[in-house]
Amino acid sequence: MLSKQKKMKKGDIAHLPSGVLLQQMEGGIPFRYHNVKKPASVVVIEKHDDMCRVLFQGGSWIVEDRYLYPLTED
């Protein structure tokens, strides 16, 4: 079930909707982008301000936290 709460933290499992742009960064510079084609579940591995680093398809990606929806057991 998706939660209305939007505060993500390290270790959370989140729903990532389709159409979201992910990016990989090196030295603070984006070098790879990925447009999510199908909704997916991701794990938050780092949180900084309004950005999260998530584990998606075996890689580490940066996404704005406003696009992540916490999954709950309700």
PDB file of N, CA and C in Angstrom:
ATOM      1  N   MET A   1       0.837  -1.173   0.000  1.00  0.00           N
ATOM      2  CA  MET A   1       0.000   0.000   0.000  1.00  0.00           C
ATOM      3  C   MET A   1       0.889   1.245   0.000  1.00  0.00           C
ATOM      4  N   LEU A   2       0.497   2.238  -0.772  1.00  0.00           N
ATOM      5  CA  LEU A   2       1.237   3.497  -0.808  1.00  0.00           C
ATOM      6  C   LEU A   2       0.815   4.371   0.359  1.00  0.00           C
ATOM      7  N   SER A   3       1.747   5.074   0.929  1.00  0.00           N
ATOM      8  CA  SER A   3       1.489   5.946   2.065  1.00  0.00           C
ATOM      9  C   SER A   3       1.473   7.393   1.607  1.00  0.00           C
ATOM     10  N   LYS A   4       0.680   8.224   2.282  1.00  0.00           N
ATOM     11  CA  LYS A   4       0.671   9.656   1.978  1.00  0.00           C
ATOM     12  C   LYS A   4       1.893  10.342   2.569  1.00  0.00           C
ATOM     13  N   GLN A   5       2.497   9.742   3.584  1.00  0.00           N
ATOM     14  CA  GLN A   5       3.693  10.306   4.201  1.00  0.00           C
ATOM     15  C   GLN A   5       4.816  10.293   3.167  1.00  0.00           C
ATOM     16  N   LYS A   6       5.571  11.382   3.094  1.00  0.00           N
ATOM     17  CA  LYS A   6       6.599  11.477   2.066  1.00  0.00           C
ATOM     18  C   LYS A   6       8.009  11.555   2.628  1.00  0.00           C
ATOM     19  N   LYS A   7       8.206  11.410   3.938  1.00  0.00           N
ATOM     20  CA  LYS A   7       9.548  11.520   4.507  1.00  0.00           C
ATOM     21  C   LYS A   7      10.278  10.198   4.359  1.00  0.00           C
ATOM     22  N   MET A   8      11.261  10.187   3.506  1.00  0.00           N
ATOM     23  CA  MET A   8      12.013   8.966   3.246  1.00  0.00           C
ATOM     24  C   MET A   8      13.296   8.973   4.072  1.00  0.00           C
ATOM     25  N   LYS A   9      13.737   7.773   4.441  1.00  0.00           N
ATOM     26  CA  LYS A   9      15.002   7.642   5.155  1.00  0.00           C
ATOM     27  C   LYS A   9      15.725   6.400   4.659  1.00  0.00           C
ATOM     28  N   LYS A  10      17.001   6.312   4.990  1.00  0.00           N
ATOM     29  CA  LYS A  10      17.831   5.192   4.569  1.00  0.00           C
ATOM     30  C   LYS A  10      17.189   3.873   4.983  1.00  0.00           C
ATOM     31  N   GLY A  11      17.135   2.936   4.039  1.00  0.00           N
ATOM     32  CA  GLY A  11      16.578   1.620   4.302  1.00  0.00           C
ATOM     33  C   GLY A  11      15.116   1.480   3.926  1.00  0.00           C
ATOM     34  N   ASP A  12      14.429   2.587   3.651  1.00  0.00           N
ATOM     35  CA  ASP A  12      13.022   2.520   3.260  1.00  0.00           C
ATOM     36  C   ASP A  12      12.869   1.884   1.884  1.00  0.00           C
ATOM     37  N   ILE A  13      11.780   1.164   1.719  1.00  0.00           N
ATOM     38  CA  ILE A  13      11.400   0.645   0.401  1.00  0.00           C
ATOM     39  C   ILE A  13      10.329   1.585  -0.131  1.00  0.00           C
ATOM     40  N   ALA A  14      10.493   2.024  -1.367  1.00  0.00           N
ATOM     41  CA  ALA A  14       9.588   3.015  -1.927  1.00  0.00           C
ATOM     42  C   ALA A  14       9.091   2.607  -3.308  1.00  0.00           C
ATOM     43  N   HIS A  15       7.934   3.125  -3.655  1.00  0.00           N
ATOM     44  CA  HIS A  15       7.378   2.973  -4.997  1.00  0.00           C
ATOM     45  C   HIS A  15       7.929   4.104  -5.856  1.00  0.00           C
ATOM     46  N   LEU A  16       8.414   3.759  -7.026  1.00  0.00           N
ATOM     47  CA  LEU A  16       8.933   4.726  -7.990  1.00  0.00           C
ATOM     48  C   LEU A  16       8.044   4.649  -9.234  1.00  0.00           C
ATOM     49  N   PRO A  17       7.256   5.682  -9.512  1.00  0.00           N
ATOM     50  CA  PRO A  17       6.352   5.634 -10.658  1.00  0.00           C
ATOM     51  C   PRO A  17       7.086   5.730 -12.003  1.00  0.00           C
ATOM     52  N   SER A  18       6.392   5.347 -13.055  1.00  0.00           N
ATOM     53  CA  SER A  18       6.962   5.481 -14.399  1.00  0.00           C
ATOM     54  C   SER A  18       7.056   6.959 -14.762  1.00  0.00           C
ATOM     55  N   GLY A  19       7.941   7.270 -15.685  1.00  0.00           N
ATOM     56  CA  GLY A  19       8.097   8.630 -16.165  1.00  0.00           C
ATOM     57  C   GLY A  19       9.057   9.492 -15.357  1.00  0.00           C
ATOM     58  N   VAL A  20       9.630   8.932 -14.294  1.00  0.00           N
ATOM     59  CA  VAL A  20      10.558   9.686 -13.453  1.00  0.00           C
ATOM     60  C   VAL A  20      11.966   9.605 -14.050  1.00  0.00           C
ATOM     61  N   LEU A  21      12.679  10.715 -14.028  1.00  0.00           N
ATOM     62  CA  LEU A  21      14.043  10.763 -14.546  1.00  0.00           C
ATOM     63  C   LEU A  21      15.029  10.519 -13.410  1.00  0.00           C
ATOM     64  N   LEU A  22      15.843   9.477 -13.553  1.00  0.00           N
ATOM     65  CA  LEU A  22      16.897   9.168 -12.596  1.00  0.00           C
ATOM     66  C   LEU A  22      18.219   9.627 -13.181  1.00  0.00           C
ATOM     67  N   GLN A  23      19.189   9.895 -12.297  1.00  0.00           N
ATOM     68  CA  GLN A  23      20.507  10.264 -12.798  1.00  0.00           C
ATOM     69  C   GLN A  23      21.599   9.649 -11.936  1.00  0.00           C
ATOM     70  N   GLN A  24      22.709   9.373 -12.563  1.00  0.00           N
ATOM     71  CA  GLN A  24      23.903   8.939 -11.855  1.00  0.00           C
ATOM     72  C   GLN A  24      24.888  10.094 -11.930  1.00  0.00           C
ATOM     73  N   MET A  25      25.588  10.310 -10.803  1.00  0.00           N
ATOM     74  CA  MET A  25      26.491  11.448 -10.736  1.00  0.00           C
ATOM     75  C   MET A  25      27.878  11.008 -10.325  1.00  0.00           C
ATOM     76  N   GLU A  26      28.853  11.746 -10.821  1.00  0.00           N
ATOM     77  CA  GLU A  26      30.245  11.525 -10.442  1.00  0.00           C
ATOM     78  C   GLU A  26      30.876  12.890 -10.216  1.00  0.00           C
ATOM     79  N   GLY A  27      31.366  13.106  -9.007  1.00  0.00           N
ATOM     80  CA  GLY A  27      31.956  14.404  -8.680  1.00  0.00           C
ATOM     81  C   GLY A  27      30.947  15.529  -8.744  1.00  0.00           C
ATOM     82  N   GLY A  28      29.681  15.244  -8.469  1.00  0.00           N
ATOM     83  CA  GLY A  28      28.635  16.255  -8.491  1.00  0.00           C
ATOM     84  C   GLY A  28      28.118  16.594  -9.875  1.00  0.00           C
ATOM     85  N   ILE A  29      28.587  15.861 -10.884  1.00  0.00           N
ATOM     86  CA  ILE A  29      28.172  16.114 -12.266  1.00  0.00           C
ATOM     87  C   ILE A  29      27.408  14.908 -12.796  1.00  0.00           C
ATOM     88  N   PRO A  30      26.185  15.129 -13.304  1.00  0.00           N
ATOM     89  CA  PRO A  30      25.432  14.004 -13.877  1.00  0.00           C
ATOM     90  C   PRO A  30      26.132  13.471 -15.126  1.00  0.00           C
ATOM     91  N   PHE A  31      26.252  12.136 -15.209  1.00  0.00           N
ATOM     92  CA  PHE A  31      26.882  11.555 -16.393  1.00  0.00           C
ATOM     93  C   PHE A  31      26.008  10.490 -17.055  1.00  0.00           C
ATOM     94  N   ARG A  32      24.925  10.097 -16.416  1.00  0.00           N
ATOM     95  CA  ARG A  32      24.027   9.108 -17.014  1.00  0.00           C
ATOM     96  C   ARG A  32      22.604   9.383 -16.530  1.00  0.00           C
ATOM     97  N   TYR A  33      21.639   9.239 -17.435  1.00  0.00           N
ATOM     98  CA  TYR A  33      20.232   9.442 -17.122  1.00  0.00           C
ATOM     99  C   TYR A  33      19.438   8.202 -17.492  1.00  0.00           C
ATOM    100  N   HIS A  34      18.323   8.006 -16.785  1.00  0.00           N
ATOM    101  CA  HIS A  34      17.426   6.894 -17.115  1.00  0.00           C
ATOM    102  C   HIS A  34      15.993   7.343 -16.857  1.00  0.00           C
ATOM    103  N   ASN A  35      15.140   7.221 -17.873  1.00  0.00           N
ATOM    104  CA  ASN A  35      13.725   7.523 -17.728  1.00  0.00           C
ATOM    105  C   ASN A  35      13.015   6.213 -17.374  1.00  0.00           C
ATOM    106  N   VAL A  36      12.402   6.153 -16.189  1.00  0.00           N
ATOM    107  CA  VAL A  36      11.747   4.934 -15.710  1.00  0.00           C
ATOM    108  C   VAL A  36      10.538   4.623 -16.600  1.00  0.00           C
ATOM    109  N   LYS A  37      10.544   3.457 -17.226  1.00  0.00           N
ATOM    110  CA  LYS A  37       9.480   3.078 -18.162  1.00  0.00           C
ATOM    111  C   LYS A  37       8.311   2.377 -17.474  1.00  0.00           C
ATOM    112  N   LYS A  38       8.612   1.597 -16.412  1.00  0.00           N
ATOM    113  CA  LYS A  38       7.568   0.886 -15.671  1.00  0.00           C
ATOM    114  C   LYS A  38       7.734   1.178 -14.183  1.00  0.00           C
ATOM    115  N   PRO A  39       6.634   1.292 -13.439  1.00  0.00           N
ATOM    116  CA  PRO A  39       6.749   1.506 -11.990  1.00  0.00           C
ATOM    117  C   PRO A  39       7.619   0.419 -11.359  1.00  0.00           C
ATOM    118  N   ALA A  40       8.326   0.780 -10.298  1.00  0.00           N
ATOM    119  CA  ALA A  40       9.243  -0.167  -9.659  1.00  0.00           C
ATOM    120  C   ALA A  40       9.313   0.104  -8.166  1.00  0.00           C
ATOM    121  N   SER A  41       9.806  -0.873  -7.434  1.00  0.00           N
ATOM    122  CA  SER A  41      10.129  -0.702  -6.017  1.00  0.00           C
ATOM    123  C   SER A  41      11.627  -0.474  -5.918  1.00  0.00           C
ATOM    124  N   VAL A  42      12.013   0.479  -5.094  1.00  0.00           N
ATOM    125  CA  VAL A  42      13.425   0.811  -4.908  1.00  0.00           C
ATOM    126  C   VAL A  42      13.734   0.866  -3.416  1.00  0.00           C
ATOM    127  N   VAL A  43      15.021   0.772  -3.083  1.00  0.00           N
ATOM    128  CA  VAL A  43      15.471   0.904  -1.700  1.00  0.00           C
ATOM    129  C   VAL A  43      16.256   2.208  -1.586  1.00  0.00           C
ATOM    130  N   VAL A  44      15.901   3.011  -0.587  1.00  0.00           N
ATOM    131  CA  VAL A  44      16.618   4.262  -0.338  1.00  0.00           C
ATOM    132  C   VAL A  44      17.931   3.920   0.363  1.00  0.00           C
ATOM    133  N   ILE A  45      19.050   4.299  -0.244  1.00  0.00           N
ATOM    134  CA  ILE A  45      20.348   3.996   0.359  1.00  0.00           C
ATOM    135  C   ILE A  45      21.027   5.238   0.924  1.00  0.00           C
ATOM    136  N   GLU A  46      20.493   6.410   0.596  1.00  0.00           N
ATOM    137  CA  GLU A  46      21.040   7.657   1.143  1.00  0.00           C
ATOM    138  C   GLU A  46      20.013   8.762   0.936  1.00  0.00           C
ATOM    139  N   LYS A  47      19.937   9.692   1.883  1.00  0.00           N
ATOM    140  CA  LYS A  47      19.013  10.823   1.787  1.00  0.00           C
ATOM    141  C   LYS A  47      19.789  12.096   2.046  1.00  0.00           C
ATOM    142  N   HIS A  48      19.616  13.084   1.186  1.00  0.00           N
ATOM    143  CA  HIS A  48      20.283  14.372   1.376  1.00  0.00           C
ATOM    144  C   HIS A  48      19.354  15.472   0.883  1.00  0.00           C
ATOM    145  N   ASP A  49      18.910  16.322   1.808  1.00  0.00           N
ATOM    146  CA  ASP A  49      17.965  17.402   1.493  1.00  0.00           C
ATOM    147  C   ASP A  49      16.739  16.838   0.784  1.00  0.00           C
ATOM    148  N   ASP A  50      16.475  17.287  -0.452  1.00  0.00           N
ATOM    149  CA  ASP A  50      15.291  16.811  -1.176  1.00  0.00           C
ATOM    150  C   ASP A  50      15.641  15.751  -2.228  1.00  0.00           C
ATOM    151  N   MET A  51      16.815  15.158  -2.116  1.00  0.00           N
ATOM    152  CA  MET A  51      17.253  14.125  -3.053  1.00  0.00           C
ATOM    153  C   MET A  51      17.512  12.815  -2.310  1.00  0.00           C
ATOM    154  N   CYS A  52      17.280  11.711  -3.004  1.00  0.00           N
ATOM    155  CA  CYS A  52      17.566  10.389  -2.446  1.00  0.00           C
ATOM    156  C   CYS A  52      18.428   9.607  -3.433  1.00  0.00           C
ATOM    157  N   ARG A  53      19.332   8.819  -2.882  1.00  0.00           N
ATOM    158  CA  ARG A  53      20.068   7.847  -3.688  1.00  0.00           C
ATOM    159  C   ARG A  53      19.333   6.531  -3.475  1.00  0.00           C
ATOM    160  N   VAL A  54      18.944   5.894  -4.578  1.00  0.00           N
ATOM    161  CA  VAL A  54      18.172   4.654  -4.491  1.00  0.00           C
ATOM    162  C   VAL A  54      18.868   3.538  -5.260  1.00  0.00           C
ATOM    163  N   LEU A  55      18.558   2.320  -4.864  1.00  0.00           N
ATOM    164  CA  LEU A  55      19.028   1.145  -5.581  1.00  0.00           C
ATOM    165  C   LEU A  55      17.945   0.761  -6.576  1.00  0.00           C
ATOM    166  N   PHE A  56      18.283   0.855  -7.872  1.00  0.00           N
ATOM    167  CA  PHE A  56      17.334   0.581  -8.954  1.00  0.00           C
ATOM    168  C   PHE A  56      18.031  -0.260 -10.010  1.00  0.00           C
ATOM    169  N   GLN A  57      17.494  -1.426 -10.275  1.00  0.00           N
ATOM    170  CA  GLN A  57      18.040  -2.349 -11.284  1.00  0.00           C
ATOM    171  C   GLN A  57      19.540  -2.562 -11.098  1.00  0.00           C
ATOM    172  N   GLY A  58      19.955  -2.763  -9.864  1.00  0.00           N
ATOM    173  CA  GLY A  58      21.344  -3.096  -9.574  1.00  0.00           C
ATOM    174  C   GLY A  58      22.311  -1.927  -9.549  1.00  0.00           C
ATOM    175  N   GLY A  59      21.807  -0.717  -9.741  1.00  0.00           N
ATOM    176  CA  GLY A  59      22.680   0.458  -9.736  1.00  0.00           C
ATOM    177  C   GLY A  59      22.211   1.505  -8.752  1.00  0.00           C
ATOM    178  N   SER A  60      23.092   2.429  -8.447  1.00  0.00           N
ATOM    179  CA  SER A  60      22.797   3.530  -7.537  1.00  0.00           C
ATOM    180  C   SER A  60      22.405   4.758  -8.361  1.00  0.00           C
ATOM    181  N   TRP A  61      21.204   5.279  -8.113  1.00  0.00           N
ATOM    182  CA  TRP A  61      20.670   6.399  -8.879  1.00  0.00           C
ATOM    183  C   TRP A  61      20.186   7.503  -7.942  1.00  0.00           C
ATOM    184  N   ILE A  62      20.208   8.739  -8.419  1.00  0.00           N
ATOM    185  CA  ILE A  62      19.710   9.894  -7.678  1.00  0.00           C
ATOM    186  C   ILE A  62      18.324  10.246  -8.216  1.00  0.00           C
ATOM    187  N   VAL A  63      17.400  10.528  -7.268  1.00  0.00           N
ATOM    188  CA  VAL A  63      16.043  10.914  -7.645  1.00  0.00           C
ATOM    189  C   VAL A  63      15.529  11.921  -6.619  1.00  0.00           C
ATOM    190  N   GLU A  64      14.698  12.846  -7.061  1.00  0.00           N
ATOM    191  CA  GLU A  64      14.072  13.783  -6.131  1.00  0.00           C
ATOM    192  C   GLU A  64      13.100  13.008  -5.252  1.00  0.00           C
ATOM    193  N   ASP A  65      13.122  13.287  -3.941  1.00  0.00           N
ATOM    194  CA  ASP A  65      12.287  12.505  -3.032  1.00  0.00           C
ATOM    195  C   ASP A  65      10.792  12.723  -3.244  1.00  0.00           C
ATOM    196  N   ARG A  66      10.405  13.791  -3.911  1.00  0.00           N
ATOM    197  CA  ARG A  66       8.975  14.023  -4.171  1.00  0.00           C
ATOM    198  C   ARG A  66       8.370  12.958  -5.090  1.00  0.00           C
ATOM    199  N   TYR A  67       9.210  12.213  -5.801  1.00  0.00           N
ATOM    200  CA  TYR A  67       8.724  11.165  -6.688  1.00  0.00           C
ATOM    201  C   TYR A  67       8.626   9.800  -6.003  1.00  0.00           C
ATOM    202  N   LEU A  68       9.094   9.698  -4.767  1.00  0.00           N
ATOM    203  CA  LEU A  68       9.086   8.427  -4.056  1.00  0.00           C
ATOM    204  C   LEU A  68       7.901   8.349  -3.106  1.00  0.00           C
ATOM    205  N   TYR A  69       7.257   7.180  -3.084  1.00  0.00           N
ATOM    206  CA  TYR A  69       6.116   6.949  -2.204  1.00  0.00           C
ATOM    207  C   TYR A  69       6.441   5.757  -1.305  1.00  0.00           C
ATOM    208  N   PRO A  70       6.498   5.983   0.013  1.00  0.00           N
ATOM    209  CA  PRO A  70       6.837   4.880   0.926  1.00  0.00           C
ATOM    210  C   PRO A  70       5.818   3.752   0.817  1.00  0.00           C
ATOM    211  N   LEU A  71       6.317   2.525   0.853  1.00  0.00           N
ATOM    212  CA  LEU A  71       5.427   1.359   0.889  1.00  0.00           C
ATOM    213  C   LEU A  71       5.241   0.968   2.347  1.00  0.00           C
ATOM    214  N   THR A  72       3.992   0.737   2.728  1.00  0.00           N
ATOM    215  CA  THR A  72       3.686   0.356   4.105  1.00  0.00           C
ATOM    216  C   THR A  72       2.963  -0.980   4.118  1.00  0.00           C
ATOM    217  N   GLU A  73       2.870  -1.566   5.295  1.00  0.00           N
ATOM    218  CA  GLU A  73       2.211  -2.863   5.437  1.00  0.00           C
ATOM    219  C   GLU A  73       0.767  -2.732   5.871  1.00  0.00           C
ATOM    220  N   ASP A  74       0.183  -1.538   5.808  1.00  0.00           N
ATOM    221  CA  ASP A  74      -1.190  -1.321   6.280  1.00  0.00           C
ATOM    222  C   ASP A  74      -2.199  -2.156   5.560  1.00  0.00           C
TER     223      ASP A  74
END
